[in-house]
Every structure is written in C-alpha cells, then in structure tokens.
Amino acid sequence: MESPSRHHPQNGGAKPVQTPDAAANLSARLDTVPSGGRRPRIAVVTMGVKLGDETRGYTRFRFLSELLVREGFDVDLFTSSFQHWEKAQRDTARACYRNLPYRVRFIEEPGYKKNLDLTRIRSHRIAAKNLRRMLGEAFAHDPRAYNLIYAEIPPNDVARTCAEVARDHGIPFVADINDLWPEAMRMAVSIPVVSDIAFHPFARDAKATYRLLSAAVGTSDEYAARPLADREAPCPTVTVYVGNDLATFDAGVAAHAPHISKPAGEFWVTYAGTLGASYDIATLVEAASALNDRKPSGSAKHVRMKILGDGPDRASLEELAARRGAPVDFLGYTPYDQMAAYLSASDVTVNSLVASAPQSIVTKIGDYLASGKPLINTGSSPEFRAKVAHDGFGVNVPAENVTALADAICDLAANPQACADMGARGRAIAEQQFDQPKAYLKIVDLIRSLL
C-alpha cells in the first residue's frame, strides 16, 4: 500500500498550499475577526479524542481546537459519546467537558467492544446519521452556523457526512487523514473477493469524501497525497505530523524520571504503543531472547526490553516471553507523563511494525524523537524509512527479522557516541517538525486561506 513520498522527507510533509508570507500571517492572526464583528466558527469533527480528565486517547484534535480558539476562531468540537479507548460511554454531563475554550458537542453512538467488527461499523453508521441531524439543526437555526468543517477520516462515513453537509451549505471542507480505510483493514482481513465486497462501502465513502474536499491535511506525505488519486482536479494539501506538545513531554520527564530505577548494567530497548495486529512485538521478544545469553560486543551491559502499552495480544506475548525466558518487562498501559520518562530513561526506542502494516508515520514517533534516543525502525513505509535515513536519527531494519533487529541493538549498544548523535538529531527534528504548538500553525494558515 505504501508509496514513496514525492517530496523531500526533511521538509516535514507534502508540498504545502500557497499561503501568505510570515509577516502577512502574523498580521492575519492579529485581525481574524471579519468586518461584521463575528469570529469565524469552525466545526471540528473527530470520533477519537481525549477530553477533560480522561487518561486515554489522541490529543491532536483537542490541541487543534485550542489553537484555533487562540488564533481567533470559535470552535465546536463534535465527538462521540462513546470513548473508543475505554470502550465505554462517556458521562457527558460531567463538569470536565464544560468551560473549555471550545464547545464540546457529543454525537450519540451505541459503541462496540472490538476495534474491528461489524458492531463498530454499525456504530459509526449510526453516529454519522446523528451527526448529519445535528449539523442540519445547526444550519436550520442559523444559515451561517459554521464557516468551515474540519473532519477526521476515518471513519469514512462520518467524514462523508461532513463533506456533504459542507457542500450543501457552500462552505469549505477539510479532511484530516490519519489512516487509510479500507487499505488498513485488508491487513487484518484479506480474503479474495470477500474482502472486496465487505470493504466496498469504505472505499465508496472515501472516494466521495475526497472528491468533495476543499483541502487535505495528512499525518504523512502519503496520506496527504492520497485524495488526489480520486480527484479530477488537485486541491491544496499539507502534511502535519500527529506530533506532541514538547513542553508537556518534558514536564512528564522532569516529574517522573527520579522515580525510575535503571540498573547500571542494563541497556533498555523500549516500545510504547498498542499490542495488536499491526505491531510486531513478537520479534522484539524473540530478539531479547536471542540476546539473553550474551552481552553486545564492546558493551558491558545486558539488553532488557521494556514494553509500554496494552492490547489484545498482550497475554500471548507475555506467554511467549516466559516460554523463551526473554528479558522483557510488560509494563501495561502507562500514563503519558510516565511514558515520557521511560522513553527518556531508555537507551533505544523501537518503531516495531509487521511487514504488511500499512501505517506510515505513527502517532508515537513524535514521542520517540522527543526522548533524545536513537530509533530502530522496522516499519516498511518508504516515506518514513527515507526520513530515518536522511535525518539520521536512527536505523532501518527489515520487519519481522529477529537477527537483523538483534544485530542493530548490538551495534547501538556498542557505540554510545553514535547513540548520542542520533538522539540529538531526533530531538532537533522533534522540535522543528513534531512540536504541536509550532507545527499545527500550518493547519491554521490553511484554514485561514480557505476563508
């Protein structure tokens, strides 16, 4: 599925839309309110966001909503009544969802128990219908209810609803592309003919959404460029990595680093994220087992794996580690601030994906780079492999190859200066391209250009 980037990896994304120069942008930010006196109002739509005092979820759309308000817009954040990571309904009356810089509007959704099953598909379909009703009521009450709709895709049917409502009311629509459905689903379910039939609605909704775009934002160059394959005419595209807030990451390190005890004789290799189908934790366990009986050449330390995260494969992975006698610690789901401290205390981080994984530049990359430690990448995305090589913050190894992974760990353990150099480059890239307060201004400028 992955295709090489058409643009230089160091540029941090696909060729951006033409926007005013820095001075003009600053002037625009100081004078956002139109002559009529009303601030432009944006509807931001995402089915997955961490809100209030919730401990799990993505912060991309929450941060973007906060930034848009600071930049002179009014924002309604539409999201599900169902918390995806907790697999539970939110108590939408809780105080933590009120008195925010933006208004939260909950879309009623029945929910589901698994990330990939028919119940989730049905749940999203119901949410899309309820969202259409909510947006329709808003425009019926005020024909100028929103000046622009900005929606996450996937879910494809929810994004299509947003695209069609924007078209019907003559306002711009921007899709934020952070995964590709049905392409990603084929990795888990790939049955000739059957998969084509089952996934047709996702392909249909994606194509309809892409054809109605005013502009596209992608979390990688590949994702940003994907809509162009289904359009007769090009549209503006920008790449803005998911990234993180470096100030928050660094605060977590400062708060929790003193509480992490790391023996002097250990070399920590750390993975943080989901323990599921796309992520190749089994090879990490096998590599740890292979290195268990020997120290890396030129190093006085023993390798120990730290696995931060949870998911459907955890039990089987723990059983594999026990059977192999592998030096692996499964720490389970770790709050973000503690995770930041563990990454920074480690010696190497690992972006570990199976060979068939369709992911391009995953959410955790910003955190890995922020840690200031070298990155081992097993992902197959040509775009990210080129970035790793060009920016020099880590090494690429073939996916699902125990020997290659073990050798890469040994090489890094034996070369502390190379580790320090790669880590410093990674931190610099994090500051330049992944720090949300800076990077997300590209989205603000894109929205402003469309208005």
Protein backbone atom coordinates (compact mmCIF):
# COMPACT_ATOMS: atom_id res chain seq x y z
CA MET A 1 0.00 0.00 0.00
CA GLU A 2 2.79 2.40 0.87
CA SER A 3 4.16 4.56 -1.91
CA PRO A 4 7.32 6.67 -1.95
CA SER A 5 6.93 10.30 -0.99
CA ARG A 6 7.01 12.76 -3.84
CA HIS A 7 8.61 15.36 -1.63
CA HIS A 8 11.81 15.62 0.36
CA PRO A 9 11.43 13.92 3.77
CA GLN A 10 13.18 16.76 5.58
CA ASN A 11 10.53 19.21 4.51
CA GLY A 12 8.12 17.70 7.02
CA GLY A 13 5.36 17.00 4.55
CA ALA A 14 3.87 17.25 1.11
CA LYS A 15 4.17 20.47 -0.81
CA PRO A 16 2.11 23.00 1.18
CA VAL A 17 -0.66 25.14 -0.13
CA GLN A 18 0.46 28.63 -1.08
CA THR A 19 -0.15 30.84 1.95
CA PRO A 20 0.87 34.40 2.77
CA ASP A 21 4.40 35.04 3.98
CA ALA A 22 5.26 35.08 7.68
CA ALA A 23 4.61 38.79 8.14
CA ALA A 24 1.23 38.57 6.45
CA ASN A 25 0.31 35.53 8.53
CA LEU A 26 1.15 37.39 11.71
CA SER A 27 -0.96 40.32 10.59
CA ALA A 28 -3.83 37.97 9.80
CA ARG A 29 -3.65 36.42 13.25
CA LEU A 30 -3.94 39.85 14.80
CA ASP A 31 -7.01 40.67 12.73
CA THR A 32 -9.05 37.47 12.32
CA VAL A 33 -12.48 38.89 13.11
CA PRO A 34 -14.22 39.96 9.87
CA SER A 35 -15.72 43.38 9.41
CA GLY A 36 -19.13 42.10 10.56
CA GLY A 37 -17.68 41.58 14.02
CA ARG A 38 -18.32 37.82 14.23
CA ARG A 39 -15.42 35.42 14.68
CA PRO A 40 -15.29 32.65 12.09
CA ARG A 41 -16.78 29.47 13.51
CA ILE A 42 -15.24 26.07 12.76
CA ALA A 43 -16.82 22.65 13.30
CA VAL A 44 -14.05 20.18 14.20
CA VAL A 45 -15.21 16.57 13.96
CA THR A 46 -13.37 13.55 15.40
CA MET A 47 -14.60 10.27 16.80
CA GLY A 48 -11.43 9.73 18.84
CA VAL A 49 -10.13 12.37 21.22
CA LYS A 50 -9.01 12.52 24.84
CA LEU A 51 -11.11 15.10 26.67
CA GLY A 52 -11.23 16.55 30.16
CA ASP A 53 -9.58 14.27 32.71
CA GLU A 54 -9.66 11.16 30.51
CA THR A 55 -6.42 9.18 30.56
CA ARG A 56 -6.53 7.55 27.11
CA GLY A 57 -6.91 8.85 23.61
CA TYR A 58 -5.44 11.16 21.00
CA THR A 59 -4.84 14.83 21.68
CA ARG A 60 -4.50 16.01 18.05
CA PHE A 61 -8.00 17.47 17.68
CA ARG A 62 -8.20 18.80 21.21
CA PHE A 63 -4.96 20.68 20.73
CA LEU A 64 -6.04 21.91 17.29
CA SER A 65 -9.33 23.17 18.75
CA GLU A 66 -7.48 25.04 21.49
CA LEU A 67 -5.07 26.52 18.96
CA LEU A 68 -7.85 27.66 16.64
CA VAL A 69 -9.53 29.49 19.52
CA ARG A 70 -6.25 31.19 20.41
CA GLU A 71 -5.88 32.18 16.76
CA GLY A 72 -9.23 33.97 16.64
CA PHE A 73 -11.82 31.32 15.74
CA ASP A 74 -14.87 29.98 17.55
CA VAL A 75 -14.83 26.17 17.65
CA ASP A 76 -17.42 23.48 18.20
CA LEU A 77 -15.70 20.12 18.74
CA PHE A 78 -18.02 17.28 17.69
CA THR A 79 -17.04 13.88 19.06
CA SER A 80 -18.60 10.60 20.07
CA SER A 81 -20.50 9.91 23.26
CA PHE A 82 -18.52 6.65 23.23
CA GLN A 83 -14.90 6.64 24.46
CA HIS A 84 -13.05 4.44 21.98
CA TRP A 85 -10.09 3.52 24.21
CA GLU A 86 -12.13 2.75 27.30
CA LYS A 87 -14.83 1.03 25.22
CA ALA A 88 -17.43 2.75 27.38
CA GLN A 89 -20.00 5.52 27.15
CA ARG A 90 -18.96 8.91 28.46
CA ASP A 91 -20.94 10.61 31.18
CA THR A 92 -21.47 13.67 29.02
CA ALA A 93 -22.84 15.70 31.95
CA ARG A 94 -19.50 15.72 33.76
CA ALA A 95 -18.04 19.11 34.58
CA CYS A 96 -14.69 18.31 32.91
CA TYR A 97 -16.37 18.62 29.50
CA ARG A 98 -17.58 22.15 30.21
CA ASN A 99 -15.91 25.56 30.48
CA LEU A 100 -13.35 24.64 27.84
CA PRO A 101 -12.03 27.14 25.25
CA TYR A 102 -14.25 25.37 22.70
CA ARG A 103 -17.73 23.89 22.95
CA VAL A 104 -17.98 20.08 23.03
CA ARG A 105 -20.94 18.57 21.22
CA PHE A 106 -21.42 14.85 21.75
CA ILE A 107 -22.65 12.64 18.92
CA GLU A 108 -24.79 9.79 20.20
CA GLU A 109 -23.19 6.45 19.29
CA PRO A 110 -24.08 2.99 20.66
CA GLY A 111 -20.47 1.79 20.85
CA TYR A 112 -18.66 -1.52 20.31
CA LYS A 113 -16.30 -3.93 22.07
CA LYS A 114 -13.68 -4.64 19.40
CA ASN A 115 -11.65 -2.40 17.11
CA LEU A 116 -12.60 -4.37 14.02
CA ASP A 117 -16.02 -5.99 13.87
CA LEU A 118 -19.48 -5.47 12.42
CA THR A 119 -20.69 -3.80 15.61
CA ARG A 120 -18.17 -0.98 15.19
CA ILE A 121 -19.21 -0.49 11.56
CA ARG A 122 -22.85 -0.25 12.60
CA SER A 123 -21.97 2.08 15.48
CA HIS A 124 -20.15 4.52 13.19
CA ARG A 125 -23.03 4.42 10.71
CA ILE A 126 -25.46 5.45 13.44
CA ALA A 127 -23.07 8.18 14.58
CA ALA A 128 -22.86 9.52 11.02
CA LYS A 129 -26.68 9.75 10.83
CA ASN A 130 -26.85 11.51 14.19
CA LEU A 131 -24.13 13.94 13.16
CA ARG A 132 -25.99 14.78 9.95
CA ARG A 133 -29.04 15.59 12.04
CA MET A 134 -27.04 17.75 14.48
CA LEU A 135 -25.37 19.74 11.72
CA GLY A 136 -28.68 20.09 9.89
CA GLU A 137 -30.33 21.51 13.00
CA ALA A 138 -27.47 23.96 13.49
CA PHE A 139 -27.79 25.31 9.95
CA ALA A 140 -31.58 25.39 10.19
CA HIS A 141 -31.27 27.60 13.25
CA ASP A 142 -28.53 29.77 11.69
CA PRO A 143 -27.67 29.55 7.95
CA ARG A 144 -24.19 30.78 8.87
CA ALA A 145 -23.74 28.32 11.75
CA TYR A 146 -20.28 27.31 10.55
CA ASN A 147 -17.81 28.87 8.15
CA LEU A 148 -15.81 25.65 7.63
CA ILE A 149 -15.96 21.98 8.63
CA TYR A 150 -12.74 20.18 9.56
CA ALA A 151 -13.15 16.43 10.00
CA GLU A 152 -11.01 13.41 10.71
CA ILE A 153 -11.02 10.47 8.32
CA PRO A 154 -11.53 7.63 9.14
CA PRO A 155 -14.32 6.85 9.98
CA ASN A 156 -15.14 7.28 6.31
CA ASP A 157 -18.92 7.53 6.64
CA VAL A 158 -18.63 10.24 9.31
CA ALA A 159 -16.23 12.21 7.11
CA ARG A 160 -18.51 11.81 4.10
CA THR A 161 -21.39 13.24 6.11
CA CYS A 162 -19.28 16.31 6.92
CA ALA A 163 -18.22 16.71 3.28
CA GLU A 164 -21.80 16.56 2.03
CA VAL A 165 -23.13 18.98 4.64
CA ALA A 166 -20.35 21.45 3.77
CA ARG A 167 -21.17 21.12 0.06
CA ASP A 168 -24.89 21.65 0.69
CA HIS A 169 -24.20 24.87 2.62
CA GLY A 170 -21.48 26.22 0.36
CA ILE A 171 -18.65 26.22 2.90
CA PRO A 172 -15.13 24.71 2.73
CA PHE A 173 -14.47 21.18 3.93
CA VAL A 174 -11.05 19.93 5.08
CA ALA A 175 -10.27 16.29 5.83
CA ASP A 176 -7.56 15.35 8.30
CA ILE A 177 -6.31 11.98 7.04
CA ASN A 178 -4.72 9.89 9.77
CA ASP A 179 -5.31 6.40 8.39
CA LEU A 180 -6.45 4.78 5.16
CA TRP A 181 -9.60 2.67 5.21
CA PRO A 182 -10.15 0.14 3.72
CA GLU A 183 -6.46 -0.29 2.89
CA ALA A 184 -5.50 -0.77 6.54
CA MET A 185 -8.32 -3.26 7.11
CA ARG A 186 -7.04 -5.56 4.40
CA MET A 187 -4.06 -6.35 6.59
CA ALA A 188 -6.33 -7.96 9.17
CA VAL A 189 -8.88 -9.44 6.75
CA SER A 190 -7.62 -10.26 3.26
CA ILE A 191 -9.86 -12.77 1.52
CA PRO A 192 -10.12 -12.54 -2.28
CA VAL A 193 -13.50 -11.27 -3.48
CA VAL A 194 -14.98 -11.43 0.04
CA SER A 195 -12.79 -8.56 1.26
CA ASP A 196 -13.58 -6.53 -1.86
CA ILE A 197 -17.31 -6.88 -1.19
CA ALA A 198 -17.04 -6.27 2.54
CA PHE A 199 -14.83 -3.20 2.21
CA HIS A 200 -16.64 -1.62 -0.75
CA PRO A 201 -18.65 0.81 1.44
CA PHE A 202 -15.41 2.15 2.97
CA ALA A 203 -13.85 2.68 -0.46
CA ARG A 204 -17.06 4.31 -1.74
CA ASP A 205 -17.25 6.73 1.21
CA ALA A 206 -13.56 7.60 1.00
CA LYS A 207 -13.84 8.40 -2.70
CA ALA A 208 -16.92 10.55 -2.15
CA THR A 209 -15.18 12.40 0.68
CA TYR A 210 -12.00 13.03 -1.29
CA ARG A 211 -13.92 14.38 -4.28
CA LEU A 212 -15.65 16.99 -2.11
CA LEU A 213 -12.50 18.29 -0.42
CA SER A 214 -11.53 21.92 -0.36
CA ALA A 215 -8.14 20.86 1.06
CA ALA A 216 -6.48 17.89 2.74
CA VAL A 217 -4.25 17.61 5.79
CA GLY A 218 -2.32 14.36 6.18
CA THR A 219 -0.31 12.92 9.03
CA SER A 220 2.26 11.87 6.42
CA ASP A 221 3.10 12.85 2.85
CA GLU A 222 1.46 9.66 1.60
CA TYR A 223 -1.77 10.34 3.45
CA ALA A 224 -1.90 13.98 2.36
CA ALA A 225 -1.49 12.97 -1.28
CA ARG A 226 -3.98 10.07 -1.18
CA PRO A 227 -7.11 12.10 -2.12
CA LEU A 228 -5.50 13.27 -5.35
CA ALA A 229 -5.86 9.76 -6.82
CA ASP A 230 -9.67 10.06 -6.65
CA ARG A 231 -9.99 13.66 -7.86
CA GLU A 232 -10.14 15.14 -11.32
CA ALA A 233 -8.68 18.43 -10.08
CA PRO A 234 -5.97 18.91 -7.43
CA CYS A 235 -6.64 20.54 -4.09
CA PRO A 236 -4.29 22.13 -1.55
CA THR A 237 -2.53 19.60 0.67
CA VAL A 238 -0.28 19.92 3.70
CA THR A 239 1.38 17.37 5.93
CA VAL A 240 1.29 17.92 9.67
CA TYR A 241 2.59 15.03 11.73
CA VAL A 242 0.49 13.96 14.73
CA GLY A 243 3.39 15.10 16.92
CA ASN A 244 3.15 16.08 20.56
CA ASP A 245 3.46 19.07 22.86
CA LEU A 246 7.15 19.05 23.79
CA ALA A 247 6.56 21.17 26.87
CA THR A 248 4.12 18.55 28.20
CA PHE A 249 6.51 15.71 27.30
CA ASP A 250 9.42 17.41 29.06
CA ALA A 251 7.30 18.14 32.12
CA GLY A 252 6.43 14.44 32.35
CA VAL A 253 10.12 13.53 32.18
CA ALA A 254 11.01 16.02 34.90
CA ALA A 255 8.22 14.78 37.19
CA HIS A 256 8.78 11.04 36.85
CA ALA A 257 12.43 10.47 35.92
CA PRO A 258 13.51 10.47 39.61
CA HIS A 259 11.15 7.54 40.26
CA ILE A 260 12.51 5.26 37.52
CA SER A 261 15.24 2.92 38.72
CA LYS A 262 17.54 1.69 35.96
CA PRO A 263 20.36 -0.71 36.91
CA ALA A 264 23.76 0.40 35.65
CA GLY A 265 24.31 -2.88 33.84
CA GLU A 266 21.19 -2.75 31.66
CA PHE A 267 20.68 -1.43 28.13
CA TRP A 268 16.98 -0.60 27.73
CA VAL A 269 15.21 -1.02 24.40
CA THR A 270 11.69 0.38 24.66
CA TYR A 271 8.47 0.12 22.67
CA ALA A 272 5.40 2.20 23.51
CA GLY A 273 2.01 1.64 21.93
CA THR A 274 -0.66 -0.91 21.09
CA LEU A 275 -0.10 -4.65 21.42
CA GLY A 276 -2.14 -5.61 18.39
CA ALA A 277 -2.18 -6.87 14.83
CA SER A 278 -0.07 -4.21 13.11
CA TYR A 279 2.66 -4.06 15.73
CA ASP A 280 5.41 -6.66 15.75
CA ILE A 281 6.13 -7.19 19.43
CA ALA A 282 6.81 -10.91 18.96
CA THR A 283 10.02 -10.13 17.08
CA LEU A 284 11.09 -7.82 19.92
CA VAL A 285 10.58 -10.68 22.37
CA GLU A 286 12.50 -13.11 20.16
CA ALA A 287 15.36 -10.62 19.73
CA ALA A 288 15.54 -10.15 23.51
CA SER A 289 15.69 -13.91 23.89
CA ALA A 290 18.47 -14.18 21.31
CA LEU A 291 20.50 -11.57 23.20
CA ASN A 292 19.74 -13.05 26.61
CA ASP A 293 22.82 -15.23 26.80
CA ARG A 294 25.35 -12.71 25.52
CA LYS A 295 26.28 -9.10 26.02
CA PRO A 296 26.55 -7.00 22.88
CA SER A 297 30.14 -6.95 21.62
CA GLY A 298 32.00 -3.97 23.04
CA SER A 299 29.35 -3.31 25.68
CA ALA A 300 29.34 -4.20 29.37
CA LYS A 301 25.55 -4.11 29.55
CA HIS A 302 22.79 -6.66 29.16
CA VAL A 303 19.84 -5.83 26.89
CA ARG A 304 16.42 -5.57 28.52
CA MET A 305 13.18 -4.84 26.66
CA LYS A 306 10.54 -2.52 28.10
CA ILE A 307 7.06 -2.84 26.57
CA LEU A 308 4.73 0.05 27.42
CA GLY A 309 1.16 -0.43 26.32
CA ASP A 310 -1.73 -2.85 26.22
CA GLY A 311 -3.87 -4.58 23.66
CA PRO A 312 -5.45 -7.86 22.54
CA ASP A 313 -2.10 -9.63 22.03
CA ARG A 314 -0.65 -8.93 25.49
CA ALA A 315 -1.42 -12.30 27.06
CA SER A 316 0.07 -14.30 24.18
CA LEU A 317 3.16 -12.07 24.12
CA GLU A 318 3.70 -12.48 27.84
CA GLU A 319 3.39 -16.23 27.42
CA LEU A 320 5.96 -16.14 24.58
CA ALA A 321 8.40 -14.14 26.70
CA ALA A 322 8.02 -16.56 29.62
CA ARG A 323 8.49 -19.57 27.36
CA ARG A 324 11.64 -18.08 25.83
CA GLY A 325 12.98 -16.81 29.15
CA ALA A 326 13.34 -13.43 27.44
CA PRO A 327 14.37 -10.35 29.47
CA VAL A 328 11.18 -8.41 28.69
CA ASP A 329 9.09 -6.30 31.07
CA PHE A 330 5.45 -5.72 30.14
CA LEU A 331 4.51 -2.53 31.97
CA GLY A 332 0.95 -2.27 30.63
CA TYR A 333 -0.81 0.97 29.82
CA THR A 334 1.32 3.82 31.14
CA PRO A 335 0.03 7.39 31.58
CA TYR A 336 1.60 9.81 29.12
CA ASP A 337 3.84 11.64 31.58
CA GLN A 338 5.27 8.36 32.91
CA MET A 339 5.71 7.03 29.40
CA ALA A 340 7.75 10.13 28.51
CA ALA A 341 10.02 9.46 31.48
CA TYR A 342 10.53 5.81 30.50
CA LEU A 343 11.38 6.72 26.90
CA SER A 344 13.91 9.28 28.08
CA ALA A 345 15.45 6.79 30.55
CA SER A 346 15.87 4.20 27.80
CA ASP A 347 18.85 3.73 25.51
CA VAL A 348 16.96 2.93 22.28
CA THR A 349 13.34 3.21 21.13
CA VAL A 350 11.69 0.91 18.59
CA ASN A 351 9.03 1.59 15.99
CA SER A 352 8.06 -2.06 15.55
CA LEU A 353 5.62 -2.96 12.79
CA VAL A 354 4.87 -6.16 10.87
CA ALA A 355 5.91 -6.25 7.23
CA SER A 356 2.35 -5.86 5.94
CA ALA A 357 1.43 -2.95 8.23
CA PRO A 358 0.04 -0.06 6.18
CA GLN A 359 0.96 2.62 8.74
CA SER A 360 3.12 5.48 7.51
CA ILE A 361 4.23 7.81 10.33
CA VAL A 362 2.54 6.63 13.50
CA THR A 363 1.46 8.70 16.48
CA LYS A 364 4.31 7.70 18.81
CA ILE A 365 7.10 8.90 16.50
CA GLY A 366 6.96 12.39 18.00
CA ASP A 367 7.42 10.92 21.49
CA TYR A 368 10.27 8.65 20.39
CA LEU A 369 12.13 11.59 18.85
CA ALA A 370 11.41 13.85 21.82
CA SER A 371 13.18 11.35 24.09
CA GLY A 372 16.53 12.18 22.52
CA LYS A 373 17.31 8.48 21.99
CA PRO A 374 18.10 6.64 18.73
CA LEU A 375 15.21 4.95 16.95
CA ILE A 376 15.18 1.49 15.38
CA ASN A 377 12.51 1.39 12.69
CA THR A 378 11.07 -1.85 11.32
CA GLY A 379 8.19 -0.15 9.51
CA SER A 380 8.05 -0.67 5.75
CA SER A 381 6.75 2.77 4.76
CA PRO A 382 9.14 4.12 2.12
CA GLU A 383 8.37 7.64 3.28
CA PHE A 384 9.38 7.04 6.89
CA ARG A 385 12.36 4.81 6.04
CA ALA A 386 13.68 7.61 3.83
CA LYS A 387 13.16 10.09 6.65
CA VAL A 388 15.02 7.91 9.17
CA ALA A 389 17.96 7.58 6.79
CA HIS A 390 18.07 11.21 5.66
CA ASP A 391 17.53 12.86 9.05
CA GLY A 392 19.92 10.46 10.74
CA PHE A 393 18.01 9.87 13.97
CA GLY A 394 18.07 6.08 13.77
CA VAL A 395 18.46 2.94 11.70
CA ASN A 396 16.10 0.93 9.50
CA VAL A 397 15.93 -2.87 9.76
CA PRO A 398 13.73 -5.33 7.87
CA ALA A 399 10.43 -6.14 9.51
CA GLU A 400 9.93 -9.47 11.28
CA ASN A 401 13.67 -10.27 11.15
CA VAL A 402 14.95 -11.34 14.57
CA THR A 403 18.60 -11.48 13.54
CA ALA A 404 18.60 -8.04 11.91
CA LEU A 405 16.89 -6.49 14.93
CA ALA A 406 19.27 -8.15 17.39
CA ASP A 407 22.27 -7.03 15.33
CA ALA A 408 21.03 -3.44 15.23
CA ILE A 409 20.58 -3.42 19.01
CA CYS A 410 24.10 -4.83 19.46
CA ASP A 411 25.60 -2.21 17.14
CA LEU A 412 23.96 0.63 19.05
CA ALA A 413 24.86 -0.80 22.45
CA ALA A 414 28.50 -0.92 21.35
CA ASN A 415 28.50 2.67 20.04
CA PRO A 416 27.41 5.16 22.72
CA GLN A 417 28.64 8.13 20.68
CA ALA A 418 26.53 7.08 17.68
CA CYS A 419 23.55 6.75 20.03
CA ALA A 420 24.15 10.24 21.39
CA ASP A 421 24.46 11.73 17.89
CA MET A 422 21.28 10.04 16.61
CA GLY A 423 19.37 11.02 19.73
CA ALA A 424 20.39 14.66 19.37
CA ARG A 425 19.28 14.68 15.73
CA GLY A 426 15.96 13.13 16.70
CA ARG A 427 15.31 15.73 19.36
CA ALA A 428 16.09 18.51 16.88
CA ILE A 429 13.62 17.05 14.37
CA ALA A 430 11.01 16.78 17.14
CA GLU A 431 11.44 20.47 17.91
CA GLN A 432 11.34 21.52 14.25
CA GLN A 433 8.59 19.30 12.81
CA PHE A 434 6.64 17.49 15.55
CA ASP A 435 6.03 20.11 18.26
CA GLN A 436 2.30 20.79 18.00
CA PRO A 437 2.32 24.50 19.03
CA LYS A 438 4.57 25.22 16.04
CA ALA A 439 3.64 22.55 13.51
CA TYR A 440 -0.14 22.98 13.78
CA LEU A 441 0.07 26.61 12.70
CA LYS A 442 0.24 25.18 9.17
CA ILE A 443 -3.33 23.96 9.65
CA VAL A 444 -4.42 27.37 10.93
CA ASP A 445 -2.86 29.06 7.90
CA LEU A 446 -4.57 26.58 5.57
CA ILE A 447 -7.97 27.23 7.16
CA ARG A 448 -7.45 30.97 7.04
CA SER A 449 -6.53 30.79 3.33
CA LEU A 450 -9.79 28.93 2.59
CA LEU A 451 -11.85 31.56 4.39
